[in-house]
N, C-alpha and C. Protein backbone atom coordinates (compact mmCIF):
# COMPACT_ATOMS: atom_id res chain seq x y z
N MET A 1 103.27 -71.31 -35.39
CA MET A 1 102.03 -70.62 -34.69
C MET A 1 101.39 -71.84 -34.75
N LEU A 2 99.96 -71.88 -33.62
CA LEU A 2 99.27 -72.70 -33.36
C LEU A 2 97.80 -72.53 -33.35
N ASN A 3 96.87 -72.91 -34.48
CA ASN A 3 96.01 -73.33 -33.94
C ASN A 3 95.05 -74.63 -33.39
N ILE A 4 94.24 -74.08 -32.66
CA ILE A 4 92.81 -74.94 -32.05
C ILE A 4 91.81 -74.72 -32.00
N ALA A 5 91.29 -75.92 -33.44
CA ALA A 5 89.61 -75.21 -33.14
C ALA A 5 89.00 -76.69 -32.02
N LYS A 6 87.96 -76.12 -31.21
CA LYS A 6 87.92 -76.68 -30.42
C LYS A 6 86.08 -77.55 -30.81
N ASN A 7 85.54 -78.59 -31.14
CA ASN A 7 84.58 -79.07 -30.99
C ASN A 7 84.04 -80.34 -29.54
N VAL A 8 83.08 -79.13 -29.06
CA VAL A 8 82.30 -80.20 -28.03
C VAL A 8 80.97 -80.11 -27.78
N ASN A 9 80.58 -81.51 -27.65
CA ASN A 9 79.96 -82.33 -27.68
C ASN A 9 79.39 -83.04 -26.03
N GLY A 10 78.61 -82.46 -25.16
CA GLY A 10 78.66 -82.80 -23.49
C GLY A 10 79.66 -82.62 -23.32
N SER A 11 80.24 -83.49 -22.41
CA SER A 11 81.45 -84.61 -21.95
C SER A 11 82.02 -84.97 -22.56
N GLU A 12 82.48 -84.84 -24.31
CA GLU A 12 83.55 -85.20 -24.81
C GLU A 12 83.89 -83.92 -25.52
N ILE A 13 85.08 -83.22 -25.79
CA ILE A 13 86.09 -82.52 -26.68
C ILE A 13 86.98 -83.83 -27.25
N LYS A 14 87.61 -82.58 -28.31
CA LYS A 14 88.01 -83.35 -29.63
C LYS A 14 88.42 -81.39 -29.94
N LEU A 15 90.43 -81.81 -29.82
CA LEU A 15 90.73 -80.84 -30.45
C LEU A 15 91.58 -79.94 -31.82
N ILE A 16 91.02 -79.91 -32.16
CA ILE A 16 92.31 -80.17 -33.50
C ILE A 16 93.21 -79.54 -33.91
N LEU A 17 94.50 -79.61 -34.14
CA LEU A 17 95.43 -78.88 -33.44
C LEU A 17 96.11 -78.92 -35.00
N GLU A 18 96.31 -77.36 -36.02
CA GLU A 18 97.08 -77.11 -36.89
C GLU A 18 98.44 -76.28 -36.42
N GLY A 19 99.03 -77.10 -37.67
CA GLY A 19 100.44 -75.27 -37.33
C GLY A 19 101.76 -76.06 -36.53
N ARG A 20 102.47 -75.59 -36.21
CA ARG A 20 103.81 -76.18 -34.75
C ARG A 20 102.96 -75.56 -32.70
N LEU A 21 103.62 -77.20 -32.25
CA LEU A 21 103.13 -77.36 -30.83
C LEU A 21 104.28 -76.94 -30.56
N ASP A 22 104.81 -75.85 -30.05
CA ASP A 22 106.42 -76.08 -29.23
C ASP A 22 106.51 -75.11 -28.45
N THR A 23 107.36 -74.82 -28.17
CA THR A 23 108.13 -74.19 -26.29
C THR A 23 106.63 -72.56 -26.55
N ALA A 24 106.62 -71.78 -27.68
CA ALA A 24 105.84 -70.97 -28.08
C ALA A 24 104.77 -70.83 -27.85
N THR A 25 103.88 -71.85 -28.05
CA THR A 25 102.61 -72.42 -28.24
C THR A 25 102.18 -72.97 -27.67
N ALA A 26 102.47 -74.44 -26.51
CA ALA A 26 102.47 -74.77 -25.78
C ALA A 26 101.25 -74.48 -24.76
N PRO A 27 101.94 -73.00 -24.12
CA PRO A 27 101.58 -72.86 -23.34
C PRO A 27 100.12 -72.23 -23.48
N GLN A 28 99.98 -71.75 -24.71
CA GLN A 28 98.58 -71.92 -25.78
C GLN A 28 98.17 -72.89 -25.41
N LEU A 29 97.95 -73.60 -25.88
CA LEU A 29 97.62 -75.28 -25.85
C LEU A 29 96.84 -75.37 -24.54
N GLU A 30 98.17 -75.34 -23.09
CA GLU A 30 97.79 -75.47 -22.14
C GLU A 30 96.76 -74.59 -20.92
N ALA A 31 96.45 -73.35 -21.78
CA ALA A 31 95.55 -72.30 -21.14
C ALA A 31 93.88 -73.24 -21.75
N THR A 32 94.25 -73.22 -23.10
CA THR A 32 92.60 -74.02 -23.55
C THR A 32 92.37 -75.13 -23.30
N LEU A 33 93.23 -75.76 -22.66
CA LEU A 33 93.57 -77.31 -21.67
C LEU A 33 93.13 -76.80 -20.43
N SER A 34 92.99 -76.27 -19.40
CA SER A 34 93.16 -75.92 -18.32
C SER A 34 91.53 -75.99 -17.53
N SER A 35 91.54 -74.53 -18.88
CA SER A 35 89.47 -74.59 -19.30
C SER A 35 88.55 -75.00 -19.70
N ILE A 36 88.88 -75.65 -20.86
CA ILE A 36 87.69 -76.40 -20.19
C ILE A 36 87.72 -78.26 -20.14
N LEU A 37 88.98 -78.61 -19.17
CA LEU A 37 89.10 -80.41 -19.04
C LEU A 37 88.18 -81.32 -18.45
N ALA A 38 87.82 -79.46 -16.85
CA ALA A 38 86.86 -80.22 -15.90
C ALA A 38 85.33 -80.99 -16.05
N GLY A 39 85.36 -81.70 -15.79
CA GLY A 39 84.39 -82.29 -16.11
C GLY A 39 83.99 -83.82 -17.60
N VAL A 40 85.64 -83.64 -18.05
CA VAL A 40 86.13 -84.03 -19.58
C VAL A 40 85.99 -85.72 -19.41
N THR A 41 85.07 -87.16 -20.05
CA THR A 41 85.56 -87.90 -19.88
C THR A 41 86.23 -88.45 -21.22
N SER A 42 85.88 -87.54 -22.41
CA SER A 42 86.76 -88.30 -23.69
C SER A 42 86.63 -86.68 -24.31
N LEU A 43 88.94 -86.73 -24.78
CA LEU A 43 89.73 -85.80 -25.13
C LEU A 43 89.83 -86.42 -26.20
N LYS A 44 90.01 -85.66 -27.71
CA LYS A 44 90.52 -86.48 -28.90
C LYS A 44 90.93 -84.98 -29.33
N PHE A 45 92.67 -85.89 -29.21
CA PHE A 45 93.14 -84.81 -30.32
C PHE A 45 93.39 -84.86 -32.50
N ASP A 46 92.82 -84.04 -32.77
CA ASP A 46 93.28 -84.37 -33.62
C ASP A 46 94.68 -84.04 -34.64
N LEU A 47 95.46 -84.74 -35.57
CA LEU A 47 96.84 -83.96 -35.60
C LEU A 47 97.59 -84.03 -36.62
N GLU A 48 96.20 -84.23 -37.07
CA GLU A 48 95.90 -84.15 -38.57
C GLU A 48 96.96 -82.89 -39.97
N LYS A 49 96.56 -82.19 -38.80
CA LYS A 49 97.48 -80.28 -39.69
C LYS A 49 98.76 -79.77 -38.76
N LEU A 50 98.79 -81.23 -37.78
CA LEU A 50 100.21 -80.38 -36.85
C LEU A 50 101.56 -80.87 -37.39
N ASP A 51 102.42 -79.90 -38.34
CA ASP A 51 103.37 -79.84 -38.69
C ASP A 51 105.03 -79.95 -37.81
N TYR A 52 104.90 -80.23 -36.97
CA TYR A 52 105.63 -79.91 -35.51
C TYR A 52 105.39 -80.51 -33.53
N ILE A 53 106.01 -81.36 -33.11
CA ILE A 53 105.69 -81.30 -32.01
C ILE A 53 106.62 -81.22 -31.45
N SER A 54 107.24 -80.30 -30.16
CA SER A 54 108.63 -80.51 -29.45
C SER A 54 108.22 -80.91 -28.32
N SER A 55 109.39 -80.98 -27.72
CA SER A 55 109.44 -81.07 -25.69
C SER A 55 107.97 -81.10 -25.46
N ALA A 56 108.10 -79.52 -25.18
CA ALA A 56 107.50 -78.47 -24.59
C ALA A 56 105.70 -79.30 -24.72
N GLY A 57 105.49 -79.00 -26.16
CA GLY A 57 104.18 -79.88 -26.67
C GLY A 57 104.52 -81.21 -26.57
N LEU A 58 105.31 -82.17 -26.74
CA LEU A 58 104.84 -83.50 -25.78
C LEU A 58 104.06 -83.28 -24.28
N ARG A 59 105.47 -82.52 -23.79
CA ARG A 59 105.05 -82.37 -21.55
C ARG A 59 103.64 -82.22 -21.58
N VAL A 60 103.11 -81.27 -22.85
CA VAL A 60 100.86 -80.47 -21.82
C VAL A 60 100.91 -82.06 -23.33
N LEU A 61 100.72 -82.82 -24.04
CA LEU A 61 100.65 -83.99 -23.99
C LEU A 61 100.24 -84.52 -22.61
N LEU A 62 101.80 -85.44 -22.30
CA LEU A 62 101.28 -86.27 -21.34
C LEU A 62 100.08 -85.95 -20.29
N SER A 63 101.02 -83.92 -19.52
CA SER A 63 99.83 -83.99 -18.38
C SER A 63 98.47 -84.71 -18.84
N SER A 64 98.37 -84.08 -20.01
CA SER A 64 96.70 -83.97 -20.55
C SER A 64 96.09 -85.31 -19.88
N GLN A 65 97.58 -86.64 -20.34
CA GLN A 65 96.98 -87.66 -20.82
C GLN A 65 96.30 -87.94 -18.97
N LYS A 66 97.57 -87.99 -18.39
CA LYS A 66 97.62 -88.11 -16.51
C LYS A 66 96.40 -87.74 -16.80
N THR A 67 95.55 -86.94 -16.64
CA THR A 67 94.56 -85.51 -16.40
C THR A 67 93.44 -86.41 -16.57
N MET A 68 93.38 -87.10 -18.32
CA MET A 68 92.23 -87.71 -18.17
C MET A 68 92.82 -89.47 -17.92
N ASN A 69 93.52 -89.75 -17.27
CA ASN A 69 93.63 -90.89 -16.85
C ASN A 69 92.60 -90.79 -15.21
N LYS A 70 92.32 -89.94 -14.92
CA LYS A 70 91.44 -90.39 -13.52
C LYS A 70 89.95 -89.57 -14.06
N GLN A 71 89.88 -88.99 -15.21
CA GLN A 71 88.89 -88.85 -15.03
C GLN A 71 88.32 -89.33 -16.44
N GLY A 72 88.54 -89.99 -17.65
CA GLY A 72 88.09 -90.72 -18.16
C GLY A 72 88.90 -91.48 -20.09
N SER A 73 88.66 -91.10 -20.64
CA SER A 73 90.53 -90.81 -21.62
C SER A 73 90.58 -89.67 -22.52
N MET A 74 91.40 -91.06 -22.96
CA MET A 74 92.19 -89.76 -24.20
C MET A 74 92.45 -90.73 -25.59
N VAL A 75 92.80 -89.72 -27.00
CA VAL A 75 93.03 -90.50 -28.58
C VAL A 75 93.28 -89.46 -28.57
N ILE A 76 94.66 -89.42 -29.61
CA ILE A 76 95.21 -88.84 -30.12
C ILE A 76 95.62 -89.47 -31.89
N SER A 77 94.46 -89.50 -32.60
CA SER A 77 94.07 -90.14 -34.29
C SER A 77 94.73 -88.61 -35.73
N ASN A 78 94.67 -89.12 -36.34
CA ASN A 78 95.91 -88.32 -37.76
C ASN A 78 96.93 -88.02 -37.46
N VAL A 79 97.40 -89.39 -37.00
CA VAL A 79 99.35 -87.98 -37.28
C VAL A 79 100.25 -88.95 -37.78
N SER A 80 100.38 -87.87 -38.17
CA SER A 80 101.75 -87.56 -39.40
C SER A 80 103.17 -88.30 -39.28
N PRO A 81 102.99 -88.51 -40.56
CA PRO A 81 104.62 -89.09 -39.45
C PRO A 81 105.71 -88.74 -38.86
N GLU A 82 105.31 -87.28 -38.91
CA GLU A 82 106.91 -86.44 -38.37
C GLU A 82 106.52 -86.68 -37.09
N VAL A 83 105.41 -86.21 -36.89
CA VAL A 83 104.68 -86.62 -35.91
C VAL A 83 105.04 -87.88 -34.91
N LYS A 84 104.51 -88.68 -35.99
CA LYS A 84 104.96 -89.75 -34.98
C LYS A 84 106.11 -90.61 -35.33
N GLU A 85 106.84 -90.02 -36.03
CA GLU A 85 108.40 -90.79 -35.41
C GLU A 85 109.35 -89.89 -33.92
N ILE A 86 108.18 -88.58 -34.03
CA ILE A 86 108.94 -88.35 -32.73
C ILE A 86 108.60 -88.82 -31.52
N PHE A 87 106.92 -89.29 -31.94
CA PHE A 87 106.16 -90.29 -30.77
C PHE A 87 107.42 -91.64 -30.55
N ASP A 88 107.28 -92.14 -31.10
CA ASP A 88 108.52 -93.37 -31.51
C ASP A 88 108.91 -92.95 -30.62
N VAL A 89 110.16 -92.33 -31.59
CA VAL A 89 111.18 -92.14 -30.64
C VAL A 89 111.44 -91.69 -28.94
N THR A 90 110.72 -90.51 -28.43
CA THR A 90 110.53 -90.37 -26.87
C THR A 90 109.40 -91.32 -27.01
N GLY A 91 109.39 -91.62 -26.87
CA GLY A 91 108.25 -93.76 -26.20
C GLY A 91 107.41 -92.87 -26.11
N PHE A 92 106.01 -91.87 -27.02
CA PHE A 92 105.98 -91.25 -26.65
C PHE A 92 104.18 -92.52 -26.92
N THR A 93 103.86 -93.14 -27.73
CA THR A 93 103.26 -94.01 -28.16
C THR A 93 103.15 -95.21 -27.45
N ASP A 94 103.87 -95.34 -26.63
CA ASP A 94 103.65 -96.25 -25.31
C ASP A 94 103.22 -95.58 -23.90
N ILE A 95 102.66 -94.44 -23.64
CA ILE A 95 101.87 -93.94 -23.05
C ILE A 95 100.97 -93.01 -23.82
N LEU A 96 100.75 -93.06 -25.00
CA LEU A 96 99.65 -92.29 -25.62
C LEU A 96 98.36 -93.38 -26.78
N THR A 97 97.56 -93.05 -26.32
CA THR A 97 96.51 -93.76 -27.35
C THR A 97 96.69 -93.15 -28.62
N ILE A 98 97.02 -93.97 -29.81
CA ILE A 98 97.66 -92.91 -31.13
C ILE A 98 96.44 -94.51 -31.77
N GLU A 99 95.91 -93.88 -32.78
CA GLU A 99 94.91 -94.19 -33.05
C GLU A 99 95.19 -94.39 -35.21
């Protein structure tokens, strides 16, 4: 299960993810992003309450990063040690901006 909380401030959006971002929930995040990313210049993900991310979840983050490279910036914050390890192993630490 994945809960997505949205904080919108003009062209800045912060998404707070809670639960698991996997094959079952990645389409939910993709749908949310595709409906809100137009005109956004700052996208932030707060992953403090994200327990797990799979390759499907990584794909959604990568796709978001590619979109935001064209129109602004994307930052990921509050990454748990478990999720950080997945980012490290997959090389995503080098691709994503992680605070």
